[in-house]
Amino acid sequence: MPLTFKDVRKIALSLENVEEGTSYGTPAFKVHDKLLARLREDGDSLVVGTTFEEHEEMMAAEPETYYITDHYVKYPWVLVRLSRVHSDSLRDLLSRAREASTNILATAGRPIAARMRPRARLRARVLTSEEVANG
């Protein structure tokens, strides 16, 4: 049986520190104001935070359930068709997204290079004060 947003709400709010709110004018779930998931405008898809690696794996394994649009190519989010996803899979995905949000909040005081994706970290470089002053 396809999931409804009512089912999503029940799953999301059962997770620790998850609160209901809005994002881009749609119902959403957040952890300490950090977006975890939101209903997409089509009403059948949920936008869920994940990793680039995980969204690639999910889309390869179940492309009819997990997908992204061009907009999300550069972002660590996956779109989930509620009409196709199993409740246990969604619960696991939302749990991982909540855990990732909690980890991001816990590292907020760390230097930004420590929080970057590994490839981006390799491209990062510290500017000298002279380079900063000269723009």
Protein backbone atom coordinates (compact mmCIF):
# COMPACT_ATOMS: atom_id res chain seq x y z
CA MET A 1 0.00 0.00 0.00
CA PRO A 2 1.44 3.45 -0.93
CA LEU A 3 2.54 5.69 1.91
CA THR A 4 0.81 8.99 2.52
CA PHE A 5 2.21 12.14 4.05
CA LYS A 6 0.29 11.20 7.19
CA ASP A 7 2.46 8.03 7.36
CA VAL A 8 5.60 10.11 6.80
CA ARG A 9 4.59 12.46 9.62
CA LYS A 10 4.08 9.54 12.01
CA ILE A 11 7.49 8.06 11.15
CA ALA A 12 9.36 11.37 11.26
CA LEU A 13 7.86 12.59 14.53
CA SER A 14 8.69 9.28 16.21
CA LEU A 15 12.40 10.14 15.81
CA GLU A 16 14.20 11.99 18.60
CA ASN A 17 14.25 15.82 18.36
CA VAL A 18 12.34 15.91 15.06
CA GLU A 19 9.86 18.76 14.76
CA GLU A 20 7.35 19.62 12.07
CA GLY A 21 7.67 22.89 10.18
CA THR A 22 7.73 24.18 6.63
CA SER A 23 10.33 24.58 3.90
CA TYR A 24 9.74 26.29 0.56
CA GLY A 25 6.06 26.47 1.46
CA THR A 26 5.69 22.71 1.94
CA PRO A 27 5.38 20.59 5.11
CA ALA A 28 8.81 19.66 6.44
CA PHE A 29 10.62 17.97 9.31
CA LYS A 30 13.61 19.48 11.03
CA VAL A 31 16.09 18.75 13.80
CA HIS A 32 17.01 21.95 15.68
CA ASP A 33 15.90 24.00 12.63
CA LYS A 34 18.09 21.90 10.28
CA LEU A 35 16.05 20.48 7.39
CA LEU A 36 15.70 16.70 7.48
CA ALA A 37 12.98 16.15 4.86
CA ARG A 38 10.18 18.01 3.14
CA LEU A 39 7.24 17.18 0.94
CA ARG A 40 7.92 18.06 -2.67
CA GLU A 41 5.40 20.19 -4.52
CA ASP A 42 4.15 17.17 -6.52
CA GLY A 43 2.68 15.73 -3.30
CA ASP A 44 4.04 12.22 -4.04
CA SER A 45 7.74 12.78 -3.40
CA LEU A 46 9.69 13.48 -0.28
CA VAL A 47 13.02 15.35 -0.39
CA VAL A 48 15.31 13.68 2.16
CA GLY A 49 18.82 14.59 3.26
CA THR A 50 21.42 11.91 2.55
CA THR A 51 24.97 11.62 1.24
CA PHE A 52 26.07 11.76 -2.38
CA GLU A 53 27.26 8.16 -2.15
CA GLU A 54 24.04 6.92 -0.62
CA HIS A 55 21.76 8.66 -3.10
CA GLU A 56 23.77 7.16 -5.99
CA GLU A 57 23.46 3.67 -4.47
CA MET A 58 19.72 4.01 -3.82
CA MET A 59 18.99 5.33 -7.32
CA ALA A 60 20.99 2.50 -8.89
CA ALA A 61 19.22 -0.15 -6.80
CA GLU A 62 15.65 1.22 -7.02
CA PRO A 63 15.34 3.96 -9.66
CA GLU A 64 11.55 3.78 -9.60
CA THR A 65 11.60 4.73 -5.90
CA TYR A 66 14.65 6.99 -5.50
CA TYR A 67 15.61 9.72 -7.94
CA ILE A 68 16.89 13.27 -8.27
CA THR A 69 16.19 16.12 -10.66
CA ASP A 70 18.79 18.39 -12.21
CA HIS A 71 18.29 20.78 -9.30
CA TYR A 72 19.56 18.21 -6.78
CA VAL A 73 22.61 16.95 -8.70
CA LYS A 74 25.00 19.09 -6.64
CA TYR A 75 23.25 18.59 -3.31
CA PRO A 76 23.19 15.68 -0.81
CA TRP A 77 19.44 15.04 -1.13
CA VAL A 78 17.38 12.28 -2.66
CA LEU A 79 13.78 12.33 -3.85
CA VAL A 80 11.62 9.44 -2.63
CA ARG A 81 8.36 8.44 -4.30
CA LEU A 82 5.90 7.82 -1.49
CA SER A 83 3.82 5.65 -3.81
CA ARG A 84 6.78 3.24 -4.14
CA VAL A 85 8.77 3.29 -0.90
CA HIS A 86 8.25 0.77 1.92
CA SER A 87 7.66 2.23 5.37
CA ASP A 88 10.67 0.40 6.88
CA SER A 89 12.96 1.79 4.17
CA LEU A 90 11.66 5.30 4.74
CA ARG A 91 12.09 4.95 8.49
CA ASP A 92 15.72 3.88 7.98
CA LEU A 93 16.39 6.73 5.56
CA LEU A 94 14.85 9.34 7.86
CA SER A 95 16.79 7.91 10.82
CA ARG A 96 20.06 8.24 8.89
CA ALA A 97 19.13 11.77 7.85
CA ARG A 98 18.38 12.68 11.46
CA GLU A 99 21.69 11.20 12.58
CA ALA A 100 23.55 13.14 9.88
CA SER A 101 21.81 16.37 10.93
CA THR A 102 22.78 15.74 14.53
CA ASN A 103 26.40 15.11 13.50
CA ILE A 104 26.48 18.35 11.49
CA LEU A 105 25.20 20.28 14.48
CA ALA A 106 27.79 18.64 16.72
CA THR A 107 30.65 19.69 14.40
CA ALA A 108 29.43 23.25 13.87
CA GLY A 109 32.36 24.65 15.89
CA ARG A 110 34.99 22.73 13.91
CA PRO A 111 36.95 24.43 11.11
CA ILE A 112 35.04 24.37 7.84
CA ALA A 113 37.67 22.22 6.07
CA ALA A 114 36.97 19.47 8.62
CA ARG A 115 33.27 19.52 7.66
CA MET A 116 33.77 19.52 3.88
CA ARG A 117 33.43 16.53 1.58
CA PRO A 118 36.87 14.96 1.01
CA ARG A 119 37.18 16.08 -2.63
CA ALA A 120 36.22 19.65 -1.71
CA ARG A 121 38.69 19.55 1.17
CA LEU A 122 41.48 18.77 -1.30
CA ARG A 123 40.58 21.87 -3.31
CA ALA A 124 40.38 24.07 -0.22
CA ARG A 125 43.34 26.24 0.53
CA VAL A 126 44.04 28.72 3.29
CA LEU A 127 44.54 32.25 2.03
CA THR A 128 47.21 34.48 3.50
CA SER A 129 46.11 37.73 5.10
CA GLU A 130 47.70 39.57 2.14
CA GLU A 131 45.60 37.55 -0.35
CA VAL A 132 42.48 38.31 1.66
CA ALA A 133 43.28 42.04 1.77
CA ASN A 134 43.97 42.16 -1.97
CA GLY A 135 40.76 40.33 -2.80
